[in-house]
Amino acid sequence: MSKELANAQKVYYVTKKDLPLSCPTDDMTLWNSHPKVYMPIAKLGEVMCEYCGAKYILKDE
């Protein structure tokens, strides 16, 4: 299975099974992206990556 391109979208929906959340995620290729950062989405419900501007929204499964 191929991995998703990092930063290919501007909004990503994630669930609790995706936590802890990092950008880029483990399902994304890393070679063309920024350093991996972890974000506190469980506390806030949505976060934005400070490097690429991707928005992550926590949704119910």
N, C-alpha and C. Protein backbone atom coordinates (compact mmCIF):
# COMPACT_ATOMS: atom_id res chain seq x y z
N MET A 1 0.85 -1.17 0.00
CA MET A 1 0.00 0.00 0.00
C MET A 1 0.90 1.24 0.00
N SER A 2 0.59 2.19 -0.84
CA SER A 2 1.39 3.41 -0.90
C SER A 2 0.94 4.40 0.16
N LYS A 3 1.85 5.23 0.55
CA LYS A 3 1.55 6.22 1.58
C LYS A 3 0.99 7.48 0.93
N GLU A 4 0.23 8.22 1.71
CA GLU A 4 -0.35 9.48 1.27
C GLU A 4 0.76 10.53 1.23
N LEU A 5 0.69 11.43 0.26
CA LEU A 5 1.65 12.51 0.20
C LEU A 5 1.44 13.45 1.38
N ALA A 6 2.51 13.86 1.99
CA ALA A 6 2.43 14.80 3.11
C ALA A 6 1.96 16.15 2.61
N ASN A 7 1.14 16.80 3.40
CA ASN A 7 0.67 18.15 3.11
C ASN A 7 -0.13 18.25 1.81
N ALA A 8 -0.72 17.16 1.37
CA ALA A 8 -1.46 17.16 0.13
C ALA A 8 -2.83 17.82 0.28
N GLN A 9 -3.35 17.83 1.47
CA GLN A 9 -4.65 18.44 1.75
C GLN A 9 -4.45 19.55 2.76
N LYS A 10 -5.45 20.37 2.93
CA LYS A 10 -5.37 21.42 3.94
C LYS A 10 -6.20 21.09 5.18
N VAL A 11 -7.13 20.13 5.08
CA VAL A 11 -7.93 19.72 6.23
C VAL A 11 -7.92 18.19 6.31
N TYR A 12 -7.60 17.69 7.50
CA TYR A 12 -7.58 16.25 7.74
C TYR A 12 -8.49 15.95 8.93
N TYR A 13 -9.31 14.90 8.81
CA TYR A 13 -10.17 14.47 9.91
C TYR A 13 -9.53 13.25 10.54
N VAL A 14 -9.37 13.28 11.85
CA VAL A 14 -8.74 12.19 12.58
C VAL A 14 -9.67 11.72 13.70
N THR A 15 -9.43 10.52 14.19
CA THR A 15 -10.20 9.97 15.29
C THR A 15 -9.26 9.65 16.45
N LYS A 16 -9.81 9.23 17.57
CA LYS A 16 -9.00 8.92 18.75
C LYS A 16 -7.98 7.83 18.48
N LYS A 17 -8.27 6.93 17.53
CA LYS A 17 -7.31 5.87 17.22
C LYS A 17 -6.06 6.41 16.52
N ASP A 18 -6.12 7.64 16.03
CA ASP A 18 -4.97 8.27 15.37
C ASP A 18 -4.04 8.99 16.36
N LEU A 19 -4.43 9.01 17.65
CA LEU A 19 -3.64 9.72 18.64
C LEU A 19 -2.48 8.87 19.13
N PRO A 20 -1.35 9.43 19.52
CA PRO A 20 -1.05 10.86 19.49
C PRO A 20 -0.89 11.34 18.05
N LEU A 21 -1.31 12.55 17.81
CA LEU A 21 -1.32 13.11 16.46
C LEU A 21 -0.01 13.82 16.16
N SER A 22 0.56 13.48 15.01
CA SER A 22 1.74 14.19 14.54
C SER A 22 1.50 14.65 13.11
N CYS A 23 2.20 15.66 12.72
CA CYS A 23 2.19 16.13 11.33
C CYS A 23 3.63 16.16 10.87
N PRO A 24 3.94 15.48 9.79
CA PRO A 24 3.09 14.58 9.03
C PRO A 24 2.74 13.33 9.83
N THR A 25 1.63 12.70 9.46
CA THR A 25 1.19 11.50 10.16
C THR A 25 2.02 10.30 9.71
N ASP A 26 1.87 9.18 10.40
CA ASP A 26 2.60 7.97 10.03
C ASP A 26 2.19 7.44 8.67
N ASP A 27 1.01 7.82 8.18
CA ASP A 27 0.53 7.36 6.87
C ASP A 27 1.03 8.23 5.72
N MET A 28 1.83 9.24 6.02
CA MET A 28 2.33 10.15 4.98
C MET A 28 3.81 9.91 4.72
N THR A 29 4.21 10.16 3.49
CA THR A 29 5.63 10.10 3.17
C THR A 29 6.32 11.29 3.82
N LEU A 30 7.56 11.11 4.22
CA LEU A 30 8.25 12.16 4.96
C LEU A 30 9.33 12.86 4.15
N TRP A 31 9.77 12.29 3.07
CA TRP A 31 10.93 12.83 2.37
C TRP A 31 10.75 14.25 1.88
N ASN A 32 9.51 14.65 1.59
CA ASN A 32 9.28 15.98 1.03
C ASN A 32 8.52 16.88 1.99
N SER A 33 8.64 16.61 3.27
CA SER A 33 7.83 17.34 4.23
C SER A 33 8.73 18.05 5.25
N HIS A 34 8.09 18.55 6.28
CA HIS A 34 8.79 19.24 7.36
C HIS A 34 9.09 18.27 8.50
N PRO A 35 9.83 18.71 9.52
CA PRO A 35 10.08 17.83 10.67
C PRO A 35 8.77 17.42 11.34
N LYS A 36 8.76 16.22 11.90
CA LYS A 36 7.56 15.71 12.57
C LYS A 36 7.32 16.49 13.86
N VAL A 37 6.10 16.98 14.03
CA VAL A 37 5.70 17.67 15.25
C VAL A 37 4.44 17.01 15.80
N TYR A 38 4.34 16.94 17.13
CA TYR A 38 3.17 16.38 17.78
C TYR A 38 2.28 17.52 18.25
N MET A 39 0.96 17.33 18.10
CA MET A 39 0.01 18.40 18.39
C MET A 39 -1.05 17.93 19.37
N PRO A 40 -1.47 18.80 20.31
CA PRO A 40 -2.41 18.45 21.38
C PRO A 40 -3.88 18.52 20.96
N ILE A 41 -4.26 17.74 19.98
CA ILE A 41 -5.63 17.80 19.45
C ILE A 41 -6.65 17.26 20.46
N ALA A 42 -6.26 16.35 21.33
CA ALA A 42 -7.22 15.78 22.29
C ALA A 42 -7.78 16.85 23.22
N LYS A 43 -6.99 17.85 23.54
CA LYS A 43 -7.43 18.92 24.43
C LYS A 43 -8.28 19.96 23.70
N LEU A 44 -7.94 20.21 22.45
CA LEU A 44 -8.54 21.34 21.72
C LEU A 44 -9.64 20.95 20.73
N GLY A 45 -9.61 19.72 20.21
CA GLY A 45 -10.60 19.30 19.22
C GLY A 45 -10.20 19.60 17.80
N GLU A 46 -9.38 20.61 17.61
CA GLU A 46 -8.79 20.88 16.29
C GLU A 46 -7.51 21.69 16.49
N VAL A 47 -6.56 21.44 15.60
CA VAL A 47 -5.28 22.13 15.65
C VAL A 47 -4.79 22.41 14.24
N MET A 48 -3.84 23.33 14.14
CA MET A 48 -3.24 23.66 12.85
C MET A 48 -1.73 23.46 12.98
N CYS A 49 -1.14 22.84 11.98
CA CYS A 49 0.29 22.62 11.98
C CYS A 49 1.01 23.94 11.76
N GLU A 50 1.98 24.22 12.61
CA GLU A 50 2.72 25.48 12.51
C GLU A 50 3.67 25.52 11.32
N TYR A 51 4.00 24.35 10.76
CA TYR A 51 4.90 24.31 9.61
C TYR A 51 4.17 24.45 8.28
N CYS A 52 3.15 23.63 8.07
CA CYS A 52 2.52 23.57 6.74
C CYS A 52 1.12 24.17 6.70
N GLY A 53 0.54 24.48 7.86
CA GLY A 53 -0.79 25.07 7.89
C GLY A 53 -1.93 24.08 7.75
N ALA A 54 -1.62 22.78 7.72
CA ALA A 54 -2.68 21.77 7.63
C ALA A 54 -3.53 21.81 8.91
N LYS A 55 -4.83 21.72 8.74
CA LYS A 55 -5.75 21.75 9.88
C LYS A 55 -6.22 20.32 10.14
N TYR A 56 -6.16 19.92 11.41
CA TYR A 56 -6.61 18.59 11.84
C TYR A 56 -7.81 18.77 12.75
N ILE A 57 -8.86 18.01 12.46
CA ILE A 57 -10.10 18.08 13.23
C ILE A 57 -10.39 16.70 13.80
N LEU A 58 -10.57 16.64 15.13
CA LEU A 58 -10.89 15.39 15.81
C LEU A 58 -12.38 15.14 15.72
N LYS A 59 -12.74 13.96 15.17
CA LYS A 59 -14.17 13.64 15.05
C LYS A 59 -14.46 12.32 15.74
N ASP A 60 -15.72 12.11 16.06
CA ASP A 60 -16.14 10.85 16.65
C ASP A 60 -16.00 9.73 15.63
N GLU A 61 -15.70 8.55 16.14
CA GLU A 61 -15.53 7.41 15.23
C GLU A 61 -16.84 6.93 14.70
